[in-house]
Amino acid sequence: MLTDYFAAFTAAYTPYKGGPWCYEDGCLYRGLELLHRATGEARWLDEMQARVDAQIGDGTSLAGYNVSDYNIDNIMSGKALLYLGEVTGDPKYMAAAAILIDQLATHPRTKSGVYWHKLRYPWQVWLDGLYMGAPFQIGYGLKTGDEALVEDAIAQVVTALEMTLVQSTGLYAHAMDEARKQPWSDRDTGHNKAHWSRALGWLAMALVDIADLAGPERFRPLEPQARALLARIMELRVPGGIWLQVIDRPDLEGNYEESSASAMFVYALEKAAMLGLAAEPPADLFDILASKVVRKRAGGGQEMAEICEVAGLGYFENRFRDGSAEYYLTERRVADDIKGVGPLMMSYAAHLERGSDAAEARVA
């Protein structure tokens, strides 16, 4: 069973960066949160709480966290704090979440008002940053009654989508350099050259999570973009399969079906169907995903295969990542990376939730 795989993976999981607060661990926390929401099983919450508690102590600090990094990735795990505060009532979780809100209060922004991706990536907006920051900011604003935080987060996403839209493809660029100074950016648009699936996966998940949190009225400024993107993603699925690493280039030699982005897309499509933002996905979509990406591991057990370990832009470890379609095919493929397994947990939870909703509707 898939839940056996998730349980074994979680039991063996060690903090991604050795203990410091990071978005990769946040992918596990989000997967466990959604499994707990969908199943009501305490084991998922217990695992999540024990791991988060090890990183926040009494809630007055976050392990290895430095606000002066101004890294939007560090915000993502804050969603776990909001959920733990909700289900336990312990104030230490909201106290820890306030540390992250303090970062956002002074986080540098583009001239158009969107958070920089990182202090060391000045004037740049990346799609994954929208997932890392906006849902947490909205969730915190809703829990504390700070409507300005909610409005600001939604306005930033609206602007970011305007900045990154590629009209010719109906998709969004992985990143945009407002200053047009980065060697990977187009001098006219500021965009990188190709569409990396996982960047679009982060965006798709951000949009459905924002819709779920904010409600239809607040989400209205983003609804047309969300509907169009989700429909376009569905169009680009490999017939009978999942999605390619470079999503819109089936002609590209060496392009392959990448599992982390595909899990993100399935989560987004399942969630969007429940929210009325997308057509019902094929009934067997999740089953196809699971059959494609989960395999037996040599020596016993299971693993999630064909995960792009990482991809980025600019210089890193003495090489230049130029954001081209060909570049995205050079990054290493690994098994059991949390950036894939976390979204697989999320997609499974959404699949369970949608199935339960459909069953209730039939009974009603």
Protein backbone atom coordinates (compact mmCIF):
# COMPACT_ATOMS: atom_id res chain seq x y z
CA MET A 1 0.00 0.00 0.00
CA LEU A 2 1.08 3.56 -0.69
CA THR A 3 0.55 4.54 2.94
CA ASP A 4 3.08 1.87 3.91
CA TYR A 5 5.59 3.57 1.64
CA PHE A 6 4.84 6.99 3.16
CA ALA A 7 5.17 5.62 6.69
CA ALA A 8 8.48 3.89 5.94
CA PHE A 9 9.83 6.97 4.16
CA THR A 10 8.88 9.26 7.04
CA ALA A 11 10.35 6.95 9.67
CA ALA A 12 13.68 6.89 7.80
CA TYR A 13 13.70 10.59 6.90
CA THR A 14 16.49 12.75 8.26
CA PRO A 15 16.36 16.57 8.10
CA TYR A 16 17.26 17.63 4.56
CA LYS A 17 20.00 20.06 5.56
CA GLY A 18 21.00 18.38 8.79
CA GLY A 19 18.56 20.24 11.04
CA PRO A 20 18.22 23.90 10.02
CA TRP A 21 14.78 25.26 9.14
CA CYS A 22 14.27 24.78 5.38
CA TYR A 23 11.58 24.39 2.75
CA GLU A 24 12.57 20.83 1.92
CA ASP A 25 11.55 19.65 5.40
CA GLY A 26 8.45 21.78 4.91
CA CYS A 27 7.48 19.57 1.96
CA LEU A 28 7.37 16.62 4.38
CA TYR A 29 5.40 18.63 6.93
CA ARG A 30 2.85 19.67 4.33
CA GLY A 31 2.47 16.10 3.12
CA LEU A 32 1.93 14.87 6.67
CA GLU A 33 -0.53 17.69 7.39
CA LEU A 34 -2.65 16.81 4.38
CA LEU A 35 -2.53 13.10 5.15
CA HIS A 36 -3.72 13.89 8.67
CA ARG A 37 -6.51 16.11 7.34
CA ALA A 38 -7.62 13.46 4.81
CA THR A 39 -7.42 10.37 7.04
CA GLY A 40 -7.72 11.64 10.62
CA GLU A 41 -4.94 9.24 11.57
CA ALA A 42 -2.89 10.55 14.48
CA ARG A 43 0.33 8.94 13.27
CA TRP A 44 0.80 11.57 10.57
CA LEU A 45 0.28 14.45 12.99
CA ASP A 46 2.54 12.86 15.60
CA GLU A 47 5.40 12.53 13.09
CA MET A 48 4.96 16.11 11.96
CA GLN A 49 4.77 17.57 15.45
CA ALA A 50 7.82 15.73 16.74
CA ARG A 51 9.92 16.95 13.82
CA VAL A 52 8.71 20.54 13.98
CA ASP A 53 9.19 20.67 17.76
CA ALA A 54 12.82 19.64 17.29
CA GLN A 55 13.35 22.73 15.12
CA ILE A 56 11.47 25.37 17.11
CA GLY A 57 11.97 24.48 20.79
CA ASP A 58 9.79 26.81 22.86
CA GLY A 59 8.87 28.84 19.78
CA THR A 60 11.27 31.73 20.31
CA SER A 61 13.69 30.70 17.56
CA LEU A 62 13.98 28.52 14.45
CA ALA A 63 16.92 26.14 14.10
CA GLY A 64 19.66 27.53 11.86
CA TYR A 65 17.45 30.38 10.67
CA ASN A 66 18.87 33.81 9.86
CA VAL A 67 16.40 36.53 8.91
CA SER A 68 19.14 38.50 7.16
CA ASP A 69 19.33 35.85 4.44
CA TYR A 70 15.95 37.13 3.26
CA ASN A 71 15.31 33.79 1.58
CA ILE A 72 11.64 33.33 0.65
CA ASP A 73 12.16 29.54 0.70
CA ASN A 74 12.49 29.69 4.48
CA ILE A 75 8.89 30.85 4.83
CA MET A 76 7.30 27.70 3.40
CA SER A 77 7.61 25.50 6.50
CA GLY A 78 5.63 28.09 8.43
CA LYS A 79 2.44 26.45 7.16
CA ALA A 80 3.20 23.58 9.54
CA LEU A 81 3.29 26.05 12.43
CA LEU A 82 -0.13 27.39 11.53
CA TYR A 83 -1.60 23.91 11.40
CA LEU A 84 -0.01 22.76 14.65
CA GLY A 85 -1.22 25.92 16.35
CA GLU A 86 -4.72 25.17 15.10
CA VAL A 87 -4.91 21.54 16.19
CA THR A 88 -2.99 21.78 19.49
CA GLY A 89 -3.83 25.26 20.72
CA ASP A 90 -0.24 25.64 21.93
CA PRO A 91 0.78 29.32 21.49
CA LYS A 92 4.42 28.45 20.79
CA TYR A 93 3.56 27.62 17.19
CA MET A 94 2.08 31.01 16.40
CA ALA A 95 4.99 32.62 18.25
CA ALA A 96 7.37 30.81 15.92
CA ALA A 97 5.25 31.78 12.91
CA ALA A 98 5.56 35.42 13.94
CA ILE A 99 9.33 35.17 13.40
CA LEU A 100 8.67 34.46 9.73
CA ILE A 101 6.13 37.27 9.44
CA ASP A 102 8.82 39.59 10.82
CA GLN A 103 11.05 38.55 7.92
CA LEU A 104 8.33 39.35 5.41
CA ALA A 105 7.78 42.78 6.98
CA THR A 106 11.23 43.87 5.80
CA HIS A 107 11.83 41.41 2.93
CA PRO A 108 13.17 43.27 -0.12
CA ARG A 109 10.76 43.70 -3.02
CA THR A 110 10.96 44.39 -6.72
CA LYS A 111 9.93 47.85 -7.90
CA SER A 112 6.59 46.26 -8.80
CA GLY A 113 6.11 45.14 -5.18
CA VAL A 114 6.91 41.41 -5.25
CA TYR A 115 9.29 39.76 -2.77
CA TRP A 116 12.78 39.08 -4.10
CA HIS A 117 13.41 35.36 -4.28
CA LYS A 118 16.49 35.71 -2.07
CA LEU A 119 18.77 38.54 -0.98
CA ARG A 120 21.46 37.04 -3.21
CA TYR A 121 19.00 36.94 -6.14
CA PRO A 122 18.18 40.68 -6.33
CA TRP A 123 15.20 41.92 -8.37
CA GLN A 124 14.25 38.34 -9.27
CA VAL A 125 10.83 36.68 -9.01
CA TRP A 126 10.77 32.86 -9.24
CA LEU A 127 7.60 30.79 -9.49
CA ASP A 128 8.54 28.56 -6.57
CA GLY A 129 8.79 31.64 -4.37
CA LEU A 130 5.05 32.21 -4.83
CA TYR A 131 4.36 28.83 -3.22
CA MET A 132 6.94 29.40 -0.49
CA GLY A 133 5.56 32.72 0.69
CA ALA A 134 2.00 33.57 -0.28
CA PRO A 135 -0.03 30.71 1.27
CA PHE A 136 1.74 31.15 4.61
CA GLN A 137 1.24 34.91 4.60
CA ILE A 138 -2.44 34.47 3.77
CA GLY A 139 -2.89 31.78 6.41
CA TYR A 140 -1.21 33.89 9.06
CA GLY A 141 -3.26 36.93 8.10
CA LEU A 142 -6.50 34.97 8.33
CA LYS A 143 -5.62 33.50 11.73
CA THR A 144 -4.63 36.87 13.19
CA GLY A 145 -7.31 38.96 11.53
CA ASP A 146 -4.76 40.97 9.53
CA GLU A 147 -6.59 41.45 6.23
CA ALA A 148 -3.74 43.62 4.89
CA LEU A 149 -1.44 40.59 4.86
CA VAL A 150 -3.99 38.64 2.84
CA GLU A 151 -4.55 41.44 0.34
CA ASP A 152 -0.82 42.05 -0.06
CA ALA A 153 -0.05 38.38 -0.75
CA ILE A 154 -2.76 38.08 -3.39
CA ALA A 155 -1.70 41.36 -5.03
CA GLN A 156 1.89 40.11 -5.19
CA VAL A 157 0.84 36.89 -6.92
CA VAL A 158 -1.27 38.84 -9.43
CA THR A 159 1.74 41.04 -10.24
CA ALA A 160 4.14 38.10 -10.39
CA LEU A 161 1.91 36.33 -12.91
CA GLU A 162 1.81 39.45 -15.05
CA MET A 163 5.61 39.58 -14.90
CA THR A 164 6.22 35.93 -15.77
CA LEU A 165 3.48 35.12 -18.31
CA VAL A 166 4.79 33.88 -21.66
CA GLN A 167 2.00 34.75 -24.08
CA SER A 168 3.23 32.43 -26.83
CA THR A 169 2.93 29.29 -24.68
CA GLY A 170 0.18 30.17 -22.20
CA LEU A 171 2.62 29.19 -19.44
CA TYR A 172 4.84 31.08 -16.99
CA ALA A 173 8.60 31.50 -16.98
CA HIS A 174 10.56 29.77 -14.23
CA ALA A 175 11.91 33.18 -13.24
CA MET A 176 11.96 36.83 -14.23
CA ASP A 177 14.72 39.37 -13.63
CA GLU A 178 13.15 42.78 -13.28
CA ALA A 179 16.54 44.47 -13.64
CA ARG A 180 17.39 42.51 -16.84
CA LYS A 181 20.93 42.04 -15.50
CA GLN A 182 21.17 38.26 -15.13
CA PRO A 183 22.92 36.45 -17.99
CA TRP A 184 20.06 33.92 -18.17
CA SER A 185 17.37 36.57 -18.64
CA ASP A 186 15.98 37.86 -21.92
CA ARG A 187 16.76 41.54 -22.33
CA ASP A 188 13.21 42.35 -23.45
CA THR A 189 11.10 40.18 -21.13
CA GLY A 190 13.47 39.36 -18.26
CA HIS A 191 12.40 35.71 -18.58
CA ASN A 192 14.53 32.60 -18.72
CA LYS A 193 14.29 30.55 -21.91
CA ALA A 194 12.26 27.41 -21.11
CA HIS A 195 9.44 25.98 -19.02
CA TRP A 196 10.62 23.71 -16.22
CA SER A 197 7.75 21.53 -15.02
CA ARG A 198 8.50 21.72 -11.31
CA ALA A 199 8.49 25.51 -11.36
CA LEU A 200 5.00 25.34 -12.84
CA GLY A 201 4.10 22.69 -10.28
CA TRP A 202 4.96 25.02 -7.40
CA LEU A 203 2.83 27.70 -9.05
CA ALA A 204 -0.14 25.41 -9.63
CA MET A 205 -0.05 24.28 -5.99
CA ALA A 206 0.24 27.88 -4.81
CA LEU A 207 -2.86 28.90 -6.76
CA VAL A 208 -5.12 26.12 -5.49
CA ASP A 209 -3.89 26.54 -1.91
CA ILE A 210 -4.53 30.29 -2.09
CA ALA A 211 -8.00 29.64 -3.51
CA ASP A 212 -8.74 27.19 -0.71
CA LEU A 213 -7.53 29.57 2.00
CA ALA A 214 -8.83 32.87 0.70
CA GLY A 215 -12.26 31.85 -0.58
CA PRO A 216 -13.91 32.73 -3.91
CA GLU A 217 -14.32 36.48 -3.40
CA ARG A 218 -10.73 37.19 -2.39
CA PHE A 219 -9.44 34.79 -5.04
CA ARG A 220 -11.34 36.44 -7.89
CA PRO A 221 -8.32 38.47 -9.17
CA LEU A 222 -6.45 35.18 -9.69
CA GLU A 223 -9.29 32.96 -10.86
CA PRO A 224 -8.91 33.46 -14.65
CA GLN A 225 -5.17 32.81 -14.52
CA ALA A 226 -5.65 29.71 -12.36
CA ARG A 227 -8.32 28.26 -14.65
CA ALA A 228 -6.25 28.90 -17.76
CA LEU A 229 -3.06 27.45 -16.29
CA LEU A 230 -4.72 24.30 -14.98
CA ALA A 231 -6.41 23.68 -18.33
CA ARG A 232 -3.09 24.22 -20.15
CA ILE A 233 -1.32 21.81 -17.80
CA MET A 234 -3.94 19.17 -18.51
CA GLU A 235 -3.44 19.68 -22.26
CA LEU A 236 0.30 19.05 -21.91
CA ARG A 237 0.07 15.73 -20.11
CA VAL A 238 1.72 12.88 -22.01
CA PRO A 239 -1.15 10.75 -23.37
CA GLY A 240 -1.71 7.89 -20.95
CA GLY A 241 1.16 9.10 -18.79
CA ILE A 242 2.32 12.04 -16.70
CA TRP A 243 4.27 15.26 -17.51
CA LEU A 244 7.65 15.98 -19.08
CA GLN A 245 10.60 17.66 -17.38
CA VAL A 246 10.40 20.43 -20.00
CA ILE A 247 6.63 20.43 -20.11
CA ASP A 248 5.92 21.79 -23.59
CA ARG A 249 8.76 20.15 -25.55
CA PRO A 250 7.86 16.55 -26.48
CA ASP A 251 10.14 17.03 -29.48
CA LEU A 252 13.19 17.57 -27.25
CA GLU A 253 15.62 14.67 -27.38
CA GLY A 254 16.16 13.18 -23.93
CA ASN A 255 13.08 14.82 -22.38
CA TYR A 256 11.51 12.51 -19.81
CA GLU A 257 8.46 12.07 -17.58
CA GLU A 258 9.46 13.75 -14.31
CA SER A 259 7.77 12.58 -11.14
CA SER A 260 7.92 15.51 -8.69
CA ALA A 261 6.26 18.00 -11.02
CA SER A 262 3.72 15.37 -12.03
CA ALA A 263 2.78 14.81 -8.38
CA MET A 264 2.36 18.56 -7.96
CA PHE A 265 0.12 18.77 -11.01
CA VAL A 266 -2.06 15.88 -9.85
CA TYR A 267 -2.44 17.53 -6.43
CA ALA A 268 -3.38 20.83 -8.04
CA LEU A 269 -5.85 19.26 -10.48
CA GLU A 270 -7.52 17.15 -7.78
CA LYS A 271 -7.78 20.15 -5.46
CA ALA A 272 -8.95 22.45 -8.25
CA ALA A 273 -11.75 20.06 -9.15
CA MET A 274 -13.02 20.18 -5.56
CA LEU A 275 -12.86 23.99 -5.63
CA GLY A 276 -14.63 24.27 -8.97
CA LEU A 277 -11.56 25.74 -10.68
CA ALA A 278 -10.94 22.92 -13.14
CA ALA A 279 -12.76 20.12 -14.88
CA GLU A 280 -12.82 16.76 -13.16
CA PRO A 281 -9.49 15.06 -13.96
CA PRO A 282 -9.57 11.50 -15.29
CA ALA A 283 -10.67 9.12 -12.55
CA ASP A 284 -7.48 7.10 -12.93
CA LEU A 285 -5.10 10.06 -12.97
CA PHE A 286 -3.68 9.47 -9.50
CA ASP A 287 -3.40 5.72 -10.13
CA ILE A 288 -1.44 6.38 -13.32
CA LEU A 289 0.87 8.74 -11.41
CA ALA A 290 1.50 6.21 -8.64
CA SER A 291 2.12 3.36 -11.09
CA LYS A 292 4.61 5.50 -13.02
CA VAL A 293 6.64 6.94 -10.15
CA VAL A 294 6.61 4.37 -7.32
CA ARG A 295 8.63 1.21 -7.87
CA LYS A 296 10.15 -1.63 -5.92
CA ARG A 297 13.54 -0.84 -4.46
CA ALA A 298 16.41 -3.25 -4.86
CA GLY A 299 16.74 -4.97 -1.51
CA GLY A 300 13.09 -4.50 -0.55
CA GLY A 301 10.57 -1.77 -0.01
CA GLN A 302 9.53 0.95 -2.43
CA GLU A 303 10.93 4.20 -3.75
CA MET A 304 9.79 7.18 -5.78
CA ALA A 305 11.89 7.38 -8.93
CA GLU A 306 12.76 9.94 -11.63
CA ILE A 307 12.87 13.03 -9.42
CA CYS A 308 14.89 15.96 -10.71
CA GLU A 309 17.13 16.61 -7.72
CA VAL A 310 17.40 20.36 -8.21
CA ALA A 311 17.38 23.00 -10.91
CA GLY A 312 18.14 26.69 -10.75
CA LEU A 313 19.42 29.68 -12.62
CA GLY A 314 22.76 31.46 -12.66
CA TYR A 315 26.16 30.33 -11.45
CA PHE A 316 26.33 27.47 -8.96
CA GLU A 317 29.28 25.24 -8.07
CA ASN A 318 31.40 26.47 -10.97
CA ARG A 319 28.80 26.01 -13.68
CA PHE A 320 26.26 28.27 -15.30
CA ARG A 321 22.60 27.26 -15.30
CA ASP A 322 21.20 29.12 -18.28
CA GLY A 323 17.51 28.21 -17.93
CA SER A 324 17.32 26.64 -21.38
CA ALA A 325 15.38 23.49 -22.22
CA GLU A 326 18.66 21.64 -22.74
CA TYR A 327 19.95 22.73 -19.32
CA TYR A 328 16.97 21.24 -17.46
CA LEU A 329 17.80 17.83 -18.90
CA THR A 330 21.32 17.90 -17.46
CA GLU A 331 20.30 17.92 -13.79
CA ARG A 332 20.65 14.68 -11.88
CA ARG A 333 17.67 12.36 -11.41
CA VAL A 334 17.32 10.73 -8.00
CA ALA A 335 14.92 8.58 -5.99
CA ASP A 336 13.12 9.45 -2.75
CA ASP A 337 13.87 13.17 -2.69
CA ILE A 338 11.37 14.95 -0.44
CA LYS A 339 10.61 17.49 -3.18
CA GLY A 340 8.92 14.57 -4.92
CA VAL A 341 7.67 12.45 -2.04
CA GLY A 342 6.06 15.38 -0.22
CA PRO A 343 3.92 16.33 -3.24
CA LEU A 344 3.07 12.66 -3.77
CA MET A 345 1.71 12.58 -0.20
CA MET A 346 -0.23 15.75 -0.99
CA SER A 347 -1.67 14.35 -4.21
CA TYR A 348 -2.70 11.13 -2.48
CA ALA A 349 -4.41 13.10 0.28
CA ALA A 350 -6.25 15.25 -2.27
CA HIS A 351 -7.26 12.11 -4.16
CA LEU A 352 -8.71 10.63 -0.97
CA GLU A 353 -10.48 13.87 -0.13
CA ARG A 354 -12.01 14.22 -3.58
CA GLY A 355 -13.13 10.60 -3.52
CA SER A 356 -14.79 11.17 -0.17
CA ASP A 357 -16.50 14.32 -1.46
CA ALA A 358 -17.76 12.46 -4.52
CA ALA A 359 -19.12 9.63 -2.36
CA GLU A 360 -20.93 12.12 -0.12
CA ALA A 361 -22.42 13.82 -3.15
CA ARG A 362 -23.74 10.48 -4.46
CA VAL A 363 -25.34 9.70 -1.10
CA ALA A 364 -26.88 13.17 -0.88
